[in-house]
PDB file of N, CA and C in Angstrom:
ATOM      1  N   MET A   1     -20.446  19.508  -4.413  1.00  0.00           N
ATOM      2  CA  MET A   1     -19.780  19.934  -3.546  1.00  0.00           C
ATOM      3  C   MET A   1     -19.277  18.815  -1.949  1.00  0.00           C
ATOM      4  N   MET A   2     -19.966  17.730  -2.458  1.00  0.00           N
ATOM      5  CA  MET A   2     -20.036  16.322  -1.166  1.00  0.00           C
ATOM      6  C   MET A   2     -19.230  16.037  -2.341  1.00  0.00           C
ATOM      7  N   SER A   3     -18.829  15.246  -3.277  1.00  0.00           N
ATOM      8  CA  SER A   3     -18.387  14.566  -4.079  1.00  0.00           C
ATOM      9  C   SER A   3     -16.327  15.649  -4.716  1.00  0.00           C
ATOM     10  N   TYR A   4     -16.660  17.063  -4.040  1.00  0.00           N
ATOM     11  CA  TYR A   4     -15.443  17.261  -4.359  1.00  0.00           C
ATOM     12  C   TYR A   4     -14.612  17.229  -3.047  1.00  0.00           C
ATOM     13  N   PHE A   5     -15.956  16.849  -1.740  1.00  0.00           N
ATOM     14  CA  PHE A   5     -14.951  17.282  -0.050  1.00  0.00           C
ATOM     15  C   PHE A   5     -14.621  15.581  -0.527  1.00  0.00           C
ATOM     16  N   PHE A   6     -15.469  14.315  -0.965  1.00  0.00           N
ATOM     17  CA  PHE A   6     -14.861  13.065  -0.712  1.00  0.00           C
ATOM     18  C   PHE A   6     -13.540  12.755  -1.740  1.00  0.00           C
ATOM     19  N   SER A   7     -13.018  13.403  -2.748  1.00  0.00           N
ATOM     20  CA  SER A   7     -12.278  12.793  -3.616  1.00  0.00           C
ATOM     21  C   SER A   7     -10.892  14.185  -3.461  1.00  0.00           C
ATOM     22  N   TYR A   8     -11.196  15.213  -2.532  1.00  0.00           N
ATOM     23  CA  TYR A   8      -9.947  15.605  -2.320  1.00  0.00           C
ATOM     24  C   TYR A   8      -9.600  14.719  -0.972  1.00  0.00           C
ATOM     25  N   THR A   9     -10.839  14.321   0.035  1.00  0.00           N
ATOM     26  CA  THR A   9     -10.066  13.616   1.127  1.00  0.00           C
ATOM     27  C   THR A   9      -9.383  12.362   0.507  1.00  0.00           C
ATOM     28  N   PHE A  10      -9.773  11.520  -0.317  1.00  0.00           N
ATOM     29  CA  PHE A  10      -9.202  10.252  -0.720  1.00  0.00           C
ATOM     30  C   PHE A  10      -7.859  10.706  -1.377  1.00  0.00           C
ATOM     31  N   MET A  11      -7.882  11.919  -2.023  1.00  0.00           N
ATOM     32  CA  MET A  11      -5.975  12.481  -2.768  1.00  0.00           C
ATOM     33  C   MET A  11      -5.575  12.622  -1.485  1.00  0.00           C
ATOM     34  N   LEU A  12      -6.490  13.232   0.490  1.00  0.00           N
ATOM     35  CA  LEU A  12      -5.148  14.160   0.759  1.00  0.00           C
ATOM     36  C   LEU A  12      -4.769  12.234   1.025  1.00  0.00           C
ATOM     37  N   LEU A  13      -5.605  11.827   1.687  1.00  0.00           N
ATOM     38  CA  LEU A  13      -5.197  10.595   2.760  1.00  0.00           C
ATOM     39  C   LEU A  13      -3.909   9.695   1.761  1.00  0.00           C
ATOM     40  N   ILE A  14      -4.304   9.490   0.009  1.00  0.00           N
ATOM     41  CA  ILE A  14      -3.298   8.924  -0.958  1.00  0.00           C
ATOM     42  C   ILE A  14      -1.952   9.134  -0.772  1.00  0.00           C
ATOM     43  N   PHE A  15      -2.057  10.963  -0.961  1.00  0.00           N
ATOM     44  CA  PHE A  15      -0.697  11.831  -0.738  1.00  0.00           C
ATOM     45  C   PHE A  15      -0.148  11.177   0.580  1.00  0.00           C
ATOM     46  N   ILE A  16      -0.638  11.677   1.707  1.00  0.00           N
ATOM     47  CA  ILE A  16      -0.183  11.560   3.210  1.00  0.00           C
ATOM     48  C   ILE A  16       0.667   9.997   3.035  1.00  0.00           C
ATOM     49  N   SER A  17      -0.242   8.173   2.416  1.00  0.00           N
ATOM     50  CA  SER A  17       0.318   7.759   2.844  1.00  0.00           C
ATOM     51  C   SER A  17       1.244   7.290   1.735  1.00  0.00           C
ATOM     52  N   PHE A  18       1.799   7.537   1.067  1.00  0.00           N
ATOM     53  CA  PHE A  18       2.796   8.132   0.188  1.00  0.00           C
ATOM     54  C   PHE A  18       4.016   8.609   0.857  1.00  0.00           C
ATOM     55  N   TRP A  19       4.057  10.067   1.689  1.00  0.00           N
ATOM     56  CA  TRP A  19       4.528  10.440   2.136  1.00  0.00           C
ATOM     57  C   TRP A  19       5.228   9.718   3.207  1.00  0.00           C
ATOM     58  N   CYS A  20       4.607   9.139   4.162  1.00  0.00           N
ATOM     59  CA  CYS A  20       4.859   7.808   4.825  1.00  0.00           C
ATOM     60  C   CYS A  20       5.394   7.467   3.942  1.00  0.00           C
ATOM     61  N   PHE A  21       5.577   6.040   3.347  1.00  0.00           N
ATOM     62  CA  PHE A  21       6.466   5.253   2.463  1.00  0.00           C
ATOM     63  C   PHE A  21       7.884   5.677   1.975  1.00  0.00           C
ATOM     64  N   VAL A  22       7.889   6.839   1.682  1.00  0.00           N
ATOM     65  CA  VAL A  22       8.932   7.653   1.271  1.00  0.00           C
ATOM     66  C   VAL A  22       9.602   7.898   2.109  1.00  0.00           C
ATOM     67  N   SER A  23       8.734   8.373   3.483  1.00  0.00           N
ATOM     68  CA  SER A  23       9.882   9.260   4.443  1.00  0.00           C
ATOM     69  C   SER A  23      10.286   7.997   5.912  1.00  0.00           C
ATOM     70  N   GLN A  24       9.173   6.936   6.230  1.00  0.00           N
ATOM     71  CA  GLN A  24       9.523   6.238   6.789  1.00  0.00           C
ATOM     72  C   GLN A  24      10.250   4.707   6.350  1.00  0.00           C
ATOM     73  N   ARG A  25      11.400   4.672   6.304  1.00  0.00           N
ATOM     74  CA  ARG A  25      12.322   3.466   5.220  1.00  0.00           C
ATOM     75  C   ARG A  25      13.030   3.097   6.541  1.00  0.00           C
ATOM     76  N   SER A  26      13.022   2.500   8.337  1.00  0.00           N
ATOM     77  CA  SER A  26      13.788   1.680   8.776  1.00  0.00           C
ATOM     78  C   SER A  26      13.442   0.405   8.721  1.00  0.00           C
ATOM     79  N   HIS A  27      12.281   0.420   8.585  1.00  0.00           N
ATOM     80  CA  HIS A  27      11.794  -1.199   8.927  1.00  0.00           C
ATOM     81  C   HIS A  27      10.223  -1.432   7.841  1.00  0.00           C
ATOM     82  N   LEU A  28      10.987  -2.860   7.136  1.00  0.00           N
ATOM     83  CA  LEU A  28       9.927  -3.521   6.102  1.00  0.00           C
ATOM     84  C   LEU A  28       9.196  -3.404   6.435  1.00  0.00           C
ATOM     85  N   LEU A  29       8.859  -3.513   7.382  1.00  0.00           N
ATOM     86  CA  LEU A  29       6.735  -3.918   7.576  1.00  0.00           C
ATOM     87  C   LEU A  29       5.956  -2.757   7.690  1.00  0.00           C
ATOM     88  N   VAL A  30       6.679  -0.701   8.169  1.00  0.00           N
ATOM     89  CA  VAL A  30       5.991   0.161   8.361  1.00  0.00           C
ATOM     90  C   VAL A  30       5.740   0.486   6.682  1.00  0.00           C
ATOM     91  N   THR A  31       7.335  -0.256   5.788  1.00  0.00           N
ATOM     92  CA  THR A  31       6.763   0.966   4.265  1.00  0.00           C
ATOM     93  C   THR A  31       6.266  -0.027   3.802  1.00  0.00           C
ATOM     94  N   LEU A  32       5.508  -1.747   4.107  1.00  0.00           N
ATOM     95  CA  LEU A  32       4.338  -2.597   3.334  1.00  0.00           C
ATOM     96  C   LEU A  32       2.910  -2.192   4.121  1.00  0.00           C
ATOM     97  N   LEU A  33       3.383  -1.981   5.717  1.00  0.00           N
ATOM     98  CA  LEU A  33       2.026  -1.438   5.656  1.00  0.00           C
ATOM     99  C   LEU A  33       1.558   0.394   4.839  1.00  0.00           C
ATOM    100  N   SER A  34       2.105   0.983   4.884  1.00  0.00           N
ATOM    101  CA  SER A  34       2.087   2.798   3.731  1.00  0.00           C
ATOM    102  C   SER A  34       1.850   2.177   2.646  1.00  0.00           C
ATOM    103  N   LEU A  35       2.320   1.175   1.522  1.00  0.00           N
ATOM    104  CA  LEU A  35       1.884   0.939   0.951  1.00  0.00           C
ATOM    105  C   LEU A  35       0.375  -0.130   0.705  1.00  0.00           C
ATOM    106  N   GLU A  36       0.155  -0.853   1.429  1.00  0.00           N
ATOM    107  CA  GLU A  36      -1.046  -1.328   1.405  1.00  0.00           C
ATOM    108  C   GLU A  36      -2.163  -0.341   1.854  1.00  0.00           C
ATOM    109  N   PHE A  37      -1.742   1.055   2.664  1.00  0.00           N
ATOM    110  CA  PHE A  37      -2.578   1.893   2.832  1.00  0.00           C
ATOM    111  C   PHE A  37      -2.954   2.709   1.825  1.00  0.00           C
ATOM    112  N   ILE A  38      -2.097   3.138   0.294  1.00  0.00           N
ATOM    113  CA  ILE A  38      -2.061   3.590  -0.283  1.00  0.00           C
ATOM    114  C   ILE A  38      -3.050   2.936  -1.495  1.00  0.00           C
ATOM    115  N   VAL A  39      -2.906   1.366  -1.124  1.00  0.00           N
ATOM    116  CA  VAL A  39      -3.788   0.568  -2.362  1.00  0.00           C
ATOM    117  C   VAL A  39      -4.586   0.984  -1.648  1.00  0.00           C
ATOM    118  N   LEU A  40      -5.216   0.959  -0.440  1.00  0.00           N
ATOM    119  CA  LEU A  40      -7.116   0.834  -0.016  1.00  0.00           C
ATOM    120  C   LEU A  40      -7.785   2.242  -0.036  1.00  0.00           C
ATOM    121  N   MET A  41      -6.638   3.366   0.020  1.00  0.00           N
ATOM    122  CA  MET A  41      -7.369   4.587  -0.455  1.00  0.00           C
ATOM    123  C   MET A  41      -7.347   4.443  -1.892  1.00  0.00           C
ATOM    124  N   MET A  42      -6.879   3.643  -2.687  1.00  0.00           N
ATOM    125  CA  MET A  42      -6.868   3.550  -4.263  1.00  0.00           C
ATOM    126  C   MET A  42      -8.232   3.267  -4.329  1.00  0.00           C
ATOM    127  N   TYR A  43      -8.438   1.775  -3.916  1.00  0.00           N
ATOM    128  CA  TYR A  43      -9.668   1.007  -4.009  1.00  0.00           C
ATOM    129  C   TYR A  43     -10.690   1.903  -3.265  1.00  0.00           C
ATOM    130  N   MET A  44     -10.824   2.586  -2.135  1.00  0.00           N
ATOM    131  CA  MET A  44     -11.777   3.309  -1.892  1.00  0.00           C
ATOM    132  C   MET A  44     -12.168   4.214  -2.908  1.00  0.00           C
ATOM    133  N   TYR A  45     -11.061   5.446  -3.397  1.00  0.00           N
ATOM    134  CA  TYR A  45     -11.291   6.518  -4.421  1.00  0.00           C
ATOM    135  C   TYR A  45     -11.714   5.768  -5.590  1.00  0.00           C
ATOM    136  N   MET A  46     -11.315   4.521  -5.849  1.00  0.00           N
ATOM    137  CA  MET A  46     -12.345   3.989  -7.699  1.00  0.00           C
ATOM    138  C   MET A  46     -13.915   3.816  -7.063  1.00  0.00           C
ATOM    139  N   SER A  47     -13.998   2.633  -5.885  1.00  0.00           N
ATOM    140  CA  SER A  47     -15.274   2.241  -5.592  1.00  0.00           C
ATOM    141  C   SER A  47     -15.957   3.258  -5.866  1.00  0.00           C
ATOM    142  N   TYR A  48     -15.686   4.297  -5.329  1.00  0.00           N
ATOM    143  CA  TYR A  48     -16.630   5.554  -5.274  1.00  0.00           C
ATOM    144  C   TYR A  48     -16.700   6.473  -6.147  1.00  0.00           C
ATOM    145  N   CYS A  49     -15.486   6.100  -7.147  1.00  0.00           N
ATOM    146  CA  CYS A  49     -16.014   7.108  -8.567  1.00  0.00           C
ATOM    147  C   CYS A  49     -16.672   6.170  -8.910  1.00  0.00           C
ATOM    148  N   LEU A  50     -16.389   4.881  -9.026  1.00  0.00           N
ATOM    149  CA  LEU A  50     -17.475   4.239  -9.898  1.00  0.00           C
ATOM    150  C   LEU A  50     -18.245   3.143  -9.579  1.00  0.00           C
ATOM    151  N   GLY A  51     -19.746   3.755  -9.502  1.00  0.00           N
ATOM    152  CA  GLY A  51     -20.363   3.285  -9.185  1.00  0.00           C
ATOM    153  C   GLY A  51     -21.517   2.839 -10.050  1.00  0.00           C
ATOM    154  N   GLY A  52     -21.425   2.161 -11.026  1.00  0.00           N
ATOM    155  CA  GLY A  52     -21.887   1.193 -11.881  1.00  0.00           C
ATOM    156  C   GLY A  52     -22.109  -0.011 -11.132  1.00  0.00           C
ATOM    157  N   VAL A  53     -22.624  -0.197 -11.999  1.00  0.00           N
ATOM    158  CA  VAL A  53     -23.153  -2.348 -12.029  1.00  0.00           C
ATOM    159  C   VAL A  53     -21.354  -2.653 -12.400  1.00  0.00           C
ATOM    160  N   GLU A  54     -21.516  -2.690 -13.387  1.00  0.00           N
ATOM    161  CA  GLU A  54     -20.475  -2.708 -14.516  1.00  0.00           C
ATOM    162  C   GLU A  54     -18.833  -2.835 -14.295  1.00  0.00           C
ATOM    163  N   GLU A  55     -18.742  -1.681 -13.254  1.00  0.00           N
ATOM    164  CA  GLU A  55     -17.396  -1.720 -12.652  1.00  0.00           C
ATOM    165  C   GLU A  55     -17.157  -2.364 -11.240  1.00  0.00           C
ATOM    166  N   VAL A  56     -17.785  -3.121 -10.678  1.00  0.00           N
ATOM    167  CA  VAL A  56     -17.958  -3.697  -9.716  1.00  0.00           C
ATOM    168  C   VAL A  56     -17.192  -4.807  -9.650  1.00  0.00           C
ATOM    169  N   TYR A  57     -17.462  -5.037 -10.949  1.00  0.00           N
ATOM    170  CA  TYR A  57     -15.970  -6.400 -11.464  1.00  0.00           C
ATOM    171  C   TYR A  57     -14.541  -6.041 -11.445  1.00  0.00           C
ATOM    172  N   PHE A  58     -14.474  -4.532 -11.884  1.00  0.00           N
ATOM    173  CA  PHE A  58     -12.772  -4.081 -11.864  1.00  0.00           C
ATOM    174  C   PHE A  58     -12.519  -3.698 -10.514  1.00  0.00           C
ATOM    175  N   CYS A  59     -13.744  -3.393  -9.987  1.00  0.00           N
ATOM    176  CA  CYS A  59     -13.112  -3.291  -8.391  1.00  0.00           C
ATOM    177  C   CYS A  59     -12.647  -4.553  -7.817  1.00  0.00           C
ATOM    178  N   LEU A  60     -13.269  -5.436  -8.049  1.00  0.00           N
ATOM    179  CA  LEU A  60     -12.886  -6.750  -7.256  1.00  0.00           C
ATOM    180  C   LEU A  60     -12.052  -7.002  -7.682  1.00  0.00           C
ATOM    181  N   LEU A  61     -11.484  -7.133  -9.623  1.00  0.00           N
ATOM    182  CA  LEU A  61     -10.587  -7.323 -10.424  1.00  0.00           C
ATOM    183  C   LEU A  61      -9.148  -7.348  -9.227  1.00  0.00           C
ATOM    184  N   PHE A  62      -9.566  -5.320  -8.680  1.00  0.00           N
ATOM    185  CA  PHE A  62      -8.600  -4.998  -7.999  1.00  0.00           C
ATOM    186  C   PHE A  62      -7.939  -5.447  -6.937  1.00  0.00           C
ATOM    187  N   LEU A  63      -9.247  -5.225  -6.138  1.00  0.00           N
ATOM    188  CA  LEU A  63      -9.196  -5.934  -5.098  1.00  0.00           C
ATOM    189  C   LEU A  63      -8.603  -7.445  -4.745  1.00  0.00           C
ATOM    190  N   SER A  64      -8.622  -8.420  -5.898  1.00  0.00           N
ATOM    191  CA  SER A  64      -7.710  -9.158  -6.057  1.00  0.00           C
ATOM    192  C   SER A  64      -6.350  -9.240  -5.868  1.00  0.00           C
ATOM    193  N   PHE A  65      -5.580  -8.444  -6.578  1.00  0.00           N
ATOM    194  CA  PHE A  65      -4.985  -7.847  -6.934  1.00  0.00           C
ATOM    195  C   PHE A  65      -3.915  -7.442  -6.119  1.00  0.00           C
ATOM    196  N   CYS A  66      -4.765  -6.463  -5.373  1.00  0.00           N
ATOM    197  CA  CYS A  66      -4.419  -6.043  -4.145  1.00  0.00           C
ATOM    198  C   CYS A  66      -3.917  -7.174  -2.552  1.00  0.00           C
ATOM    199  N   VAL A  67      -4.373  -7.917  -2.883  1.00  0.00           N
ATOM    200  CA  VAL A  67      -4.916  -9.166  -2.036  1.00  0.00           C
ATOM    201  C   VAL A  67      -3.415  -9.883  -2.237  1.00  0.00           C
ATOM    202  N   CYS A  68      -2.979 -10.467  -3.360  1.00  0.00           N
ATOM    203  CA  CYS A  68      -2.213 -10.918  -3.960  1.00  0.00           C
ATOM    204  C   CYS A  68      -0.340  -9.979  -3.870  1.00  0.00           C
ATOM    205  N   GLU A  69      -1.059  -9.086  -3.944  1.00  0.00           N
ATOM    206  CA  GLU A  69       0.672  -8.134  -3.744  1.00  0.00           C
ATOM    207  C   GLU A  69       1.020  -8.274  -1.992  1.00  0.00           C
ATOM    208  N   GLY A  70      -0.241  -8.213  -1.345  1.00  0.00           N
ATOM    209  CA  GLY A  70       0.107  -7.905   0.541  1.00  0.00           C
ATOM    210  C   GLY A  70       0.294  -9.054   0.642  1.00  0.00           C
ATOM    211  N   ALA A  71      -0.120 -10.646  -0.173  1.00  0.00           N
ATOM    212  CA  ALA A  71       0.411 -11.460   0.575  1.00  0.00           C
ATOM    213  C   ALA A  71       2.204 -12.124   0.061  1.00  0.00           C
ATOM    214  N   LEU A  72       2.576 -11.302  -1.102  1.00  0.00           N
ATOM    215  CA  LEU A  72       3.766 -11.157  -1.423  1.00  0.00           C
ATOM    216  C   LEU A  72       4.397 -10.472  -0.409  1.00  0.00           C
ATOM    217  N   GLY A  73       4.057  -9.369  -0.445  1.00  0.00           N
ATOM    218  CA  GLY A  73       4.969  -8.699   0.434  1.00  0.00           C
ATOM    219  C   GLY A  73       5.125  -9.215   1.847  1.00  0.00           C
ATOM    220  N   LEU A  74       4.359  -9.442   2.222  1.00  0.00           N
ATOM    221  CA  LEU A  74       4.282 -10.450   3.560  1.00  0.00           C
ATOM    222  C   LEU A  74       5.176 -11.701   3.800  1.00  0.00           C
ATOM    223  N   SER A  75       5.182 -12.554   2.307  1.00  0.00           N
ATOM    224  CA  SER A  75       6.437 -13.667   2.695  1.00  0.00           C
ATOM    225  C   SER A  75       7.568 -12.881   2.069  1.00  0.00           C
ATOM    226  N   ILE A  76       7.945 -12.041   1.498  1.00  0.00           N
ATOM    227  CA  ILE A  76       8.836 -11.795   1.088  1.00  0.00           C
ATOM    228  C   ILE A  76      10.014 -10.807   2.893  1.00  0.00           C
ATOM    229  N   MET A  77       8.615 -10.332   3.635  1.00  0.00           N
ATOM    230  CA  MET A  77       9.028 -10.402   4.816  1.00  0.00           C
ATOM    231  C   MET A  77       9.278 -11.113   6.058  1.00  0.00           C
ATOM    232  N   VAL A  78       9.058 -12.783   6.120  1.00  0.00           N
ATOM    233  CA  VAL A  78       9.283 -13.214   6.264  1.00  0.00           C
ATOM    234  C   VAL A  78      10.548 -13.776   5.965  1.00  0.00           C
ATOM    235  N   SER A  79      10.789 -14.230   4.835  1.00  0.00           N
ATOM    236  CA  SER A  79      11.727 -14.447   4.152  1.00  0.00           C
ATOM    237  C   SER A  79      13.207 -13.444   4.658  1.00  0.00           C
ATOM    238  N   VAL A  80      13.418 -12.358   4.398  1.00  0.00           N
ATOM    239  CA  VAL A  80      13.949 -11.263   4.765  1.00  0.00           C
ATOM    240  C   VAL A  80      14.501 -11.377   6.379  1.00  0.00           C
ATOM    241  N   VAL A  81      13.061 -11.449   7.390  1.00  0.00           N
ATOM    242  CA  VAL A  81      13.381 -11.860   8.962  1.00  0.00           C
ATOM    243  C   VAL A  81      14.111 -13.184   9.255  1.00  0.00           C
ATOM    244  N   ARG A  82      13.952 -14.241   8.116  1.00  0.00           N
ATOM    245  CA  ARG A  82      14.504 -15.982   8.290  1.00  0.00           C
ATOM    246  C   ARG A  82      15.775 -15.372   8.675  1.00  0.00           C
ATOM    247  N   THR A  83      16.161 -14.985   7.145  1.00  0.00           N
ATOM    248  CA  THR A  83      17.792 -14.738   7.093  1.00  0.00           C
ATOM    249  C   THR A  83      18.366 -13.770   7.964  1.00  0.00           C
ATOM    250  N   HIS A  84      18.345 -12.489   8.040  1.00  0.00           N
ATOM    251  CA  HIS A  84      18.687 -11.701   8.462  1.00  0.00           C
ATOM    252  C   HIS A  84      18.354 -11.549  10.122  1.00  0.00           C
ATOM    253  N   GLY A  85      17.120 -12.282  10.423  1.00  0.00           N
ATOM    254  CA  GLY A  85      17.203 -12.061  12.171  1.00  0.00           C
ATOM    255  C   GLY A  85      16.105 -10.963  12.333  1.00  0.00           C
ATOM    256  N   ASN A  86      16.782  -9.713  11.086  1.00  0.00           N
ATOM    257  CA  ASN A  86      14.838  -8.436  11.942  1.00  0.00           C
ATOM    258  C   ASN A  86      14.708  -8.263  10.739  1.00  0.00           C
ATOM    259  N   ASP A  87      14.225  -6.867  10.298  1.00  0.00           N
ATOM    260  CA  ASP A  87      13.269  -6.240   9.140  1.00  0.00           C
ATOM    261  C   ASP A  87      13.989  -5.107   9.271  1.00  0.00           C
ATOM    262  N   TYR A  88      14.950  -4.648   9.605  1.00  0.00           N
ATOM    263  CA  TYR A  88      15.106  -3.044   9.580  1.00  0.00           C
ATOM    264  C   TYR A  88      16.667  -3.259   7.987  1.00  0.00           C
ATOM    265  N   PHE A  89      15.892  -2.448   7.551  1.00  0.00           N
ATOM    266  CA  PHE A  89      16.448  -2.041   6.303  1.00  0.00           C
ATOM    267  C   PHE A  89      18.311  -2.250   6.054  1.00  0.00           C
ATOM    268  N   ASN A  90      18.369  -1.287   6.960  1.00  0.00           N
ATOM    269  CA  ASN A  90      20.430  -1.053   6.665  1.00  0.00           C
ATOM    270  C   ASN A  90      20.789  -2.320   7.703  1.00  0.00           C
ATOM    271  N   SER A  91      19.769  -3.526   7.800  1.00  0.00           N
ATOM    272  CA  SER A  91      21.349  -4.627   8.253  1.00  0.00           C
ATOM    273  C   SER A  91      20.891  -5.377   7.064  1.00  0.00           C
ATOM    274  N   PHE A  92      19.985  -5.348   6.022  1.00  0.00           N
ATOM    275  CA  PHE A  92      20.418  -6.471   4.680  1.00  0.00           C
ATOM    276  C   PHE A  92      20.873  -5.421   3.561  1.00  0.00           C
ATOM    277  N   ILE A  93      21.461  -4.014   3.876  1.00  0.00           N
ATOM    278  CA  ILE A  93      22.451  -3.652   2.195  1.00  0.00           C
ATOM    279  C   ILE A  93      23.614  -3.806   2.410  1.00  0.00           C
ATOM    280  N   MET A  94      23.416  -4.174   1.430  1.00  0.00           N
ATOM    281  CA  MET A  94      25.028  -5.192   0.947  1.00  0.00           C
ATOM    282  C   MET A  94      26.326  -4.086   1.005  1.00  0.00           C
ATOM    283  N   LEU A  95      25.608  -2.708   0.208  1.00  0.00           N
ATOM    284  CA  LEU A  95      27.598  -1.921  -0.002  1.00  0.00           C
ATOM    285  C   LEU A  95      27.285  -0.848   1.166  1.00  0.00           C
ATOM    286  N   LYS A  96      26.742  -0.927   2.171  1.00  0.00           N
ATOM    287  CA  LYS A  96      27.969  -0.194   3.540  1.00  0.00           C
ATOM    288  C   LYS A  96      29.380   0.489   3.354  1.00  0.00           C
ATOM    289  N   CYS A  97      29.214   1.702   3.409  1.00  0.00           N
ATOM    290  CA  CYS A  97      30.450   1.923   3.471  1.00  0.00           C
ATOM    291  C   CYS A  97      31.113   1.805   4.939  1.00  0.00           C
TER     292      CYS A  97
END
Protein backbone atom coordinates (compact mmCIF):
# COMPACT_ATOMS: atom_id res chain seq x y z
CA MET A 1 0.00 0.00 0.00
CA MET A 2 2.78 2.44 0.89
CA SER A 3 4.71 1.66 -2.29
CA TYR A 4 1.74 2.75 -4.41
CA PHE A 5 1.50 5.94 -2.38
CA PHE A 6 5.17 6.79 -2.94
CA SER A 7 4.99 5.89 -6.63
CA TYR A 8 1.94 8.07 -7.20
CA THR A 9 3.49 10.90 -5.18
CA PHE A 10 6.67 10.86 -7.27
CA MET A 11 4.67 10.69 -10.50
CA LEU A 12 2.49 13.59 -9.37
CA LEU A 13 5.54 15.69 -8.54
CA ILE A 14 7.10 14.88 -11.92
CA PHE A 15 3.85 15.88 -13.65
CA ILE A 16 3.63 19.14 -11.68
CA SER A 17 7.21 20.06 -12.51
CA PHE A 18 6.64 19.22 -16.18
CA TRP A 19 3.53 21.43 -16.17
CA CYS A 20 5.60 24.23 -14.63
CA PHE A 21 8.23 23.72 -17.34
CA VAL A 22 5.64 24.01 -20.10
CA SER A 23 3.59 26.86 -18.67
CA GLN A 24 6.20 29.21 -17.18
CA ARG A 25 8.30 30.26 -20.15
CA SER A 26 9.03 33.88 -19.36
CA HIS A 27 12.42 33.45 -17.66
CA LEU A 28 15.22 31.08 -18.54
CA LEU A 29 16.02 30.57 -14.84
CA VAL A 30 12.50 29.33 -14.05
CA THR A 31 12.73 26.89 -16.94
CA LEU A 32 16.09 25.58 -15.75
CA LEU A 33 14.82 25.21 -12.18
CA SER A 34 11.80 23.21 -13.32
CA LEU A 35 14.07 20.97 -15.41
CA GLU A 36 16.28 20.40 -12.38
CA PHE A 37 13.22 19.54 -10.30
CA ILE A 38 12.12 17.01 -12.93
CA VAL A 39 15.55 15.41 -12.85
CA LEU A 40 15.62 15.39 -9.04
CA MET A 41 12.23 13.70 -8.83
CA MET A 42 13.29 11.15 -11.43
CA TYR A 43 16.43 10.43 -9.41
CA MET A 44 14.44 10.01 -6.20
CA TYR A 45 11.94 7.72 -7.91
CA MET A 46 14.72 5.69 -9.47
CA SER A 47 16.61 5.35 -6.19
CA TYR A 48 13.36 4.31 -4.49
CA CYS A 49 12.54 1.66 -7.10
CA LEU A 50 16.09 0.36 -7.56
CA GLY A 51 16.99 -0.61 -4.04
CA GLY A 52 19.70 -3.18 -4.77
CA VAL A 53 23.43 -2.83 -4.43
CA GLU A 54 24.14 -3.19 -8.16
CA GLU A 55 21.77 -0.38 -9.07
CA VAL A 56 23.52 2.14 -6.81
CA TYR A 57 26.18 2.62 -9.47
CA PHE A 58 23.52 3.38 -12.07
CA CYS A 59 21.96 5.96 -9.73
CA LEU A 60 25.37 7.58 -9.23
CA LEU A 61 25.94 7.66 -12.98
CA PHE A 62 22.51 9.24 -13.49
CA LEU A 63 23.25 11.79 -10.78
CA SER A 64 26.58 12.73 -12.37
CA PHE A 65 24.87 13.29 -15.74
CA CYS A 66 22.26 15.43 -13.97
CA VAL A 67 24.98 17.58 -12.42
CA CYS A 68 26.60 18.02 -15.83
CA GLU A 69 23.24 19.00 -17.30
CA GLY A 70 22.69 21.57 -14.56
CA ALA A 71 26.15 23.08 -15.02
CA LEU A 72 25.63 23.30 -18.77
CA GLY A 73 22.26 25.00 -18.29
CA LEU A 74 23.73 27.56 -15.90
CA SER A 75 26.61 28.30 -18.26
CA ILE A 76 24.16 28.86 -21.12
CA MET A 77 22.12 31.16 -18.90
CA VAL A 78 25.20 33.18 -17.92
CA SER A 79 26.14 33.47 -21.59
CA VAL A 80 22.64 34.66 -22.51
CA VAL A 81 22.57 37.20 -19.68
CA ARG A 82 25.97 38.56 -20.72
CA THR A 83 24.99 38.93 -24.36
CA HIS A 84 21.36 40.10 -24.00
CA GLY A 85 21.29 41.73 -20.56
CA ASN A 86 18.49 39.66 -19.03
CA ASP A 87 17.02 36.16 -19.07
CA TYR A 88 13.62 36.92 -20.59
CA PHE A 89 12.75 34.62 -23.47
CA ASN A 90 11.09 37.32 -25.51
CA SER A 91 14.22 39.52 -25.45
CA PHE A 92 16.31 37.11 -27.48
CA ILE A 93 13.74 35.78 -29.96
CA MET A 94 14.94 36.75 -33.40
CA LEU A 95 11.65 36.35 -35.30
CA LYS A 96 9.51 39.00 -33.59
CA CYS A 97 6.63 40.40 -35.63
